[in-house]
Amino acid sequence: MKRVVNLYRTSIGKKIIMAISGFVFVAFVIVHMLGNLKIFYPAHEGVYKIDVYGEFLRTVGYPVFARGQVLWIFRITLIGLALFHIWSAIVTWLMSRSARPIKYKVVEPVASTLASRTMRIGGVVIAVFIIFHMLNLTTGDIFPGGQFEHGAVHDNMLANFSVWWVTAFYVIAMLFLGLHLYHGVWSAFQTLGVSNPKYNSWRRGLAWFVAILVTAGNIAIPLAILMGKVH
């Protein structure tokens, strides 16, 4: 345990934690996206598949756990992991900055990419988006689409994304998420030691695949609803 704590105190230790937690988030956003894509399934006998999916998530662990209890435990765990991820990123940046007290006179982004240069601002946008998303489609405290109804996932999503600025915010947030995922997947493998030039092509390909898959899937939902393609 002491070795783990000592490792975490170093910059490489924090980067390892960020890499591991990052992979957890990658898995989560992919599964979450696949679940949300059920909005495109038509109703069967008056019941929407996404509503069935939402009810399944709320009843996981029942009757050992109360309705929705496991889901909230999972949400709180993810939020805690996200805060740990953000804290590690901030401390790593501060450590890197203190190690170079004199700033470069000229910054040449030769080896950097748009994804790497927007990691910090992207992280802020994603953090704001997560808070808004929880208050928007989880608790319904911020719901510009009208009356929020707990459990009515399909109707809530249609009402929510029929508001243009809500859809616009989601699309912008997903674009930043895509950039964040690309750089995150790429650098996470490098942090964990998979940085041999022999593997760089598939590492870059995987990073692009994850980023495009999640971005396209999550953007398709609000845009389709706003354009009236989902009824």
Protein backbone atom coordinates (compact mmCIF):
# COMPACT_ATOMS: atom_id res chain seq x y z
CA MET A 1 0.00 0.00 0.00
CA LYS A 2 2.86 2.34 0.86
CA ARG A 3 4.42 1.69 -2.55
CA VAL A 4 1.15 2.62 -4.26
CA VAL A 5 0.93 5.87 -2.30
CA ASN A 6 4.56 6.71 -3.05
CA LEU A 7 4.00 5.98 -6.74
CA TYR A 8 0.93 8.20 -6.83
CA ARG A 9 2.94 11.09 -5.39
CA THR A 10 5.06 11.09 -8.53
CA SER A 11 3.93 12.55 -11.85
CA ILE A 12 4.14 9.16 -13.58
CA GLY A 13 1.98 7.65 -10.84
CA LYS A 14 -0.70 10.28 -11.41
CA LYS A 15 -0.51 9.68 -15.16
CA ILE A 16 -1.01 5.93 -14.59
CA ILE A 17 -4.11 6.67 -12.48
CA MET A 18 -5.38 8.99 -15.21
CA ALA A 19 -4.77 6.31 -17.85
CA ILE A 20 -6.57 3.56 -15.90
CA SER A 21 -9.51 5.79 -14.94
CA GLY A 22 -9.59 7.02 -18.53
CA PHE A 23 -10.09 3.50 -19.85
CA VAL A 24 -12.95 3.04 -17.36
CA PHE A 25 -14.60 6.19 -18.73
CA VAL A 26 -14.05 5.04 -22.33
CA ALA A 27 -15.85 1.79 -21.58
CA PHE A 28 -18.64 3.69 -19.82
CA VAL A 29 -19.28 6.25 -22.58
CA ILE A 30 -19.40 3.49 -25.22
CA VAL A 31 -21.91 1.41 -23.24
CA HIS A 32 -23.89 4.54 -22.35
CA MET A 33 -24.00 5.57 -26.01
CA LEU A 34 -25.16 2.12 -27.13
CA GLY A 35 -27.95 2.26 -24.57
CA ASN A 36 -29.06 5.72 -25.71
CA LEU A 37 -29.13 4.62 -29.35
CA LYS A 38 -32.20 2.57 -28.44
CA ILE A 39 -34.09 5.84 -28.95
CA PHE A 40 -34.10 4.92 -32.65
CA TYR A 41 -36.06 1.69 -32.02
CA PRO A 42 -39.79 2.09 -32.74
CA ALA A 43 -42.35 1.33 -30.05
CA HIS A 44 -43.42 -2.29 -29.70
CA GLU A 45 -46.92 -2.73 -28.31
CA GLY A 46 -46.79 0.84 -27.02
CA VAL A 47 -43.52 0.37 -25.15
CA TYR A 48 -40.23 2.00 -26.17
CA LYS A 49 -37.05 -0.06 -25.90
CA ILE A 50 -35.15 2.83 -24.35
CA ASP A 51 -37.78 3.05 -21.59
CA VAL A 52 -37.34 -0.68 -20.95
CA TYR A 53 -33.57 -0.14 -20.86
CA GLY A 54 -33.95 2.74 -18.40
CA GLU A 55 -36.22 0.66 -16.16
CA PHE A 56 -33.68 -2.19 -16.25
CA LEU A 57 -30.96 0.16 -14.99
CA ARG A 58 -33.18 1.34 -12.12
CA THR A 59 -34.08 -2.19 -11.02
CA VAL A 60 -30.58 -3.72 -11.10
CA GLY A 61 -29.93 -5.44 -7.77
CA TYR A 62 -33.59 -5.56 -6.75
CA PRO A 63 -34.82 -6.80 -4.25
CA VAL A 64 -31.46 -6.89 -2.40
CA PHE A 65 -31.11 -3.18 -3.15
CA ALA A 66 -33.90 -0.65 -3.33
CA ARG A 67 -35.07 0.55 -6.74
CA GLY A 68 -32.45 2.81 -8.27
CA GLN A 69 -29.97 2.30 -5.43
CA VAL A 70 -27.36 0.37 -7.42
CA LEU A 71 -27.64 2.90 -10.26
CA TRP A 72 -26.92 5.79 -7.88
CA ILE A 73 -24.03 3.88 -6.28
CA PHE A 74 -22.60 3.46 -9.78
CA ARG A 75 -23.14 7.15 -10.59
CA ILE A 76 -21.50 8.32 -7.36
CA THR A 77 -18.56 5.97 -7.96
CA LEU A 78 -18.09 7.36 -11.46
CA ILE A 79 -18.30 10.95 -10.18
CA GLY A 80 -15.69 10.17 -7.52
CA LEU A 81 -13.44 8.59 -10.13
CA ALA A 82 -13.93 11.62 -12.39
CA LEU A 83 -12.94 14.00 -9.57
CA PHE A 84 -9.85 11.86 -8.90
CA HIS A 85 -9.04 11.96 -12.63
CA ILE A 86 -9.44 15.76 -12.76
CA TRP A 87 -7.39 16.27 -9.58
CA SER A 88 -4.57 14.10 -10.92
CA ALA A 89 -4.58 16.06 -14.19
CA ILE A 90 -4.42 19.42 -12.38
CA VAL A 91 -1.63 18.33 -10.04
CA THR A 92 0.36 16.79 -12.92
CA TRP A 93 0.06 20.05 -14.87
CA LEU A 94 1.16 22.09 -11.83
CA MET A 95 4.11 19.76 -11.24
CA SER A 96 5.15 20.09 -14.87
CA ARG A 97 4.78 23.86 -14.71
CA SER A 98 6.83 24.19 -11.51
CA ALA A 99 9.58 22.05 -13.04
CA ARG A 100 9.86 24.71 -15.78
CA PRO A 101 9.54 28.05 -13.94
CA ILE A 102 10.77 30.04 -16.96
CA LYS A 103 8.26 29.98 -19.81
CA TYR A 104 9.36 29.43 -23.37
CA LYS A 105 9.59 32.70 -25.32
CA VAL A 106 8.12 31.06 -28.39
CA VAL A 107 5.69 28.13 -28.33
CA GLU A 108 5.93 25.96 -31.43
CA PRO A 109 3.14 23.30 -31.50
CA VAL A 110 5.15 21.14 -33.91
CA ALA A 111 4.47 17.72 -32.40
CA SER A 112 1.13 18.62 -30.82
CA THR A 113 -2.35 18.11 -32.20
CA LEU A 114 -5.64 19.94 -31.84
CA ALA A 115 -6.70 17.21 -29.41
CA SER A 116 -3.65 17.68 -27.16
CA ARG A 117 -3.89 21.48 -27.25
CA THR A 118 -7.55 21.44 -26.20
CA MET A 119 -7.24 18.89 -23.38
CA ARG A 120 -7.53 21.45 -20.56
CA ILE A 121 -10.35 23.53 -22.04
CA GLY A 122 -12.00 20.31 -23.20
CA GLY A 123 -11.82 18.92 -19.67
CA VAL A 124 -13.61 22.03 -18.34
CA VAL A 125 -16.32 21.80 -21.02
CA ILE A 126 -16.85 18.09 -20.30
CA ALA A 127 -17.03 18.72 -16.54
CA VAL A 128 -19.68 21.43 -17.07
CA PHE A 129 -21.52 19.11 -19.47
CA ILE A 130 -21.59 16.26 -16.92
CA ILE A 131 -23.13 18.54 -14.28
CA PHE A 132 -25.70 19.86 -16.76
CA HIS A 133 -26.46 16.36 -18.07
CA MET A 134 -27.14 15.06 -14.55
CA LEU A 135 -29.45 17.98 -13.76
CA ASN A 136 -31.02 17.80 -17.21
CA LEU A 137 -31.86 14.17 -18.00
CA THR A 138 -31.17 12.43 -14.67
CA THR A 139 -32.91 14.56 -12.04
CA GLY A 140 -34.86 16.90 -14.33
CA ASP A 141 -33.98 19.99 -12.25
CA ILE A 142 -32.91 21.82 -15.43
CA PHE A 143 -35.31 20.78 -18.17
CA PRO A 144 -36.09 23.44 -20.79
CA GLY A 145 -38.22 20.99 -22.76
CA GLY A 146 -41.25 21.30 -20.47
CA GLN A 147 -42.36 18.90 -17.75
CA PHE A 148 -39.80 16.24 -16.83
CA GLU A 149 -41.29 12.82 -16.12
CA HIS A 150 -39.17 10.31 -14.21
CA GLY A 151 -38.96 6.99 -16.05
CA ALA A 152 -40.22 8.36 -19.38
CA VAL A 153 -36.80 8.30 -21.03
CA HIS A 154 -38.08 8.42 -24.62
CA ASP A 155 -40.48 11.34 -24.10
CA ASN A 156 -37.97 13.26 -21.98
CA MET A 157 -35.28 12.97 -24.66
CA LEU A 158 -37.67 14.10 -27.41
CA ALA A 159 -38.82 17.12 -25.41
CA ASN A 160 -35.29 17.98 -24.31
CA PHE A 161 -33.58 17.86 -27.71
CA SER A 162 -36.42 19.70 -29.41
CA VAL A 163 -34.92 22.80 -27.78
CA TRP A 164 -32.26 24.02 -30.22
CA TRP A 165 -29.78 25.46 -27.72
CA VAL A 166 -29.81 22.27 -25.63
CA THR A 167 -28.98 20.24 -28.74
CA ALA A 168 -26.29 22.76 -29.71
CA PHE A 169 -24.68 22.49 -26.27
CA TYR A 170 -24.73 18.68 -26.39
CA VAL A 171 -23.17 18.67 -29.88
CA ILE A 172 -20.38 21.07 -28.84
CA ALA A 173 -19.70 19.05 -25.70
CA MET A 174 -19.52 15.82 -27.73
CA LEU A 175 -17.01 17.37 -30.14
CA PHE A 176 -14.78 18.25 -27.21
CA LEU A 177 -15.35 14.76 -25.78
CA GLY A 178 -14.20 13.24 -29.07
CA LEU A 179 -10.97 15.26 -29.02
CA HIS A 180 -10.47 14.36 -25.36
CA LEU A 181 -11.00 10.67 -26.07
CA TYR A 182 -8.60 10.65 -29.01
CA HIS A 183 -5.73 12.19 -27.08
CA GLY A 184 -6.65 10.28 -23.93
CA VAL A 185 -6.60 6.84 -25.56
CA TRP A 186 -3.40 7.68 -27.45
CA SER A 187 -1.50 8.98 -24.41
CA ALA A 188 -2.91 6.36 -22.00
CA PHE A 189 -1.27 3.54 -23.93
CA GLN A 190 1.97 5.52 -23.97
CA THR A 191 1.77 6.02 -20.19
CA LEU A 192 1.24 2.29 -19.67
CA GLY A 193 4.33 1.48 -21.76
CA VAL A 194 2.74 0.70 -25.13
CA SER A 195 4.73 3.31 -27.05
CA ASN A 196 6.85 1.25 -29.41
CA PRO A 197 6.80 2.72 -32.97
CA LYS A 198 5.75 -0.76 -34.07
CA TYR A 199 2.38 -0.29 -32.35
CA ASN A 200 1.82 3.41 -33.07
CA SER A 201 -0.31 2.83 -36.17
CA TRP A 202 -2.89 0.63 -34.44
CA ARG A 203 -2.75 2.81 -31.32
CA ARG A 204 -3.61 5.86 -33.42
CA GLY A 205 -6.25 3.90 -35.32
CA LEU A 206 -7.88 2.74 -32.08
CA ALA A 207 -7.85 6.28 -30.70
CA TRP A 208 -9.53 7.60 -33.87
CA PHE A 209 -12.06 4.74 -33.87
CA VAL A 210 -13.14 5.36 -30.26
CA ALA A 211 -13.30 9.13 -30.73
CA ILE A 212 -15.33 8.99 -33.97
CA LEU A 213 -17.63 6.20 -32.73
CA VAL A 214 -18.59 8.00 -29.51
CA THR A 215 -18.81 11.45 -31.08
CA ALA A 216 -20.91 10.35 -34.06
CA GLY A 217 -23.20 8.15 -31.97
CA ASN A 218 -23.88 10.78 -29.33
CA ILE A 219 -24.33 13.62 -31.82
CA ALA A 220 -26.71 11.61 -33.99
CA ILE A 221 -29.28 11.35 -31.19
CA PRO A 222 -29.97 15.05 -30.44
CA LEU A 223 -29.65 16.09 -34.09
CA ALA A 224 -32.11 13.40 -35.24
CA ILE A 225 -34.62 14.50 -32.62
CA LEU A 226 -34.19 18.20 -33.41
CA MET A 227 -34.74 17.50 -37.12
CA GLY A 228 -37.86 15.47 -36.38
CA LYS A 229 -36.43 12.11 -37.45
CA VAL A 230 -37.45 10.44 -34.17
CA HIS A 231 -41.12 10.35 -33.19
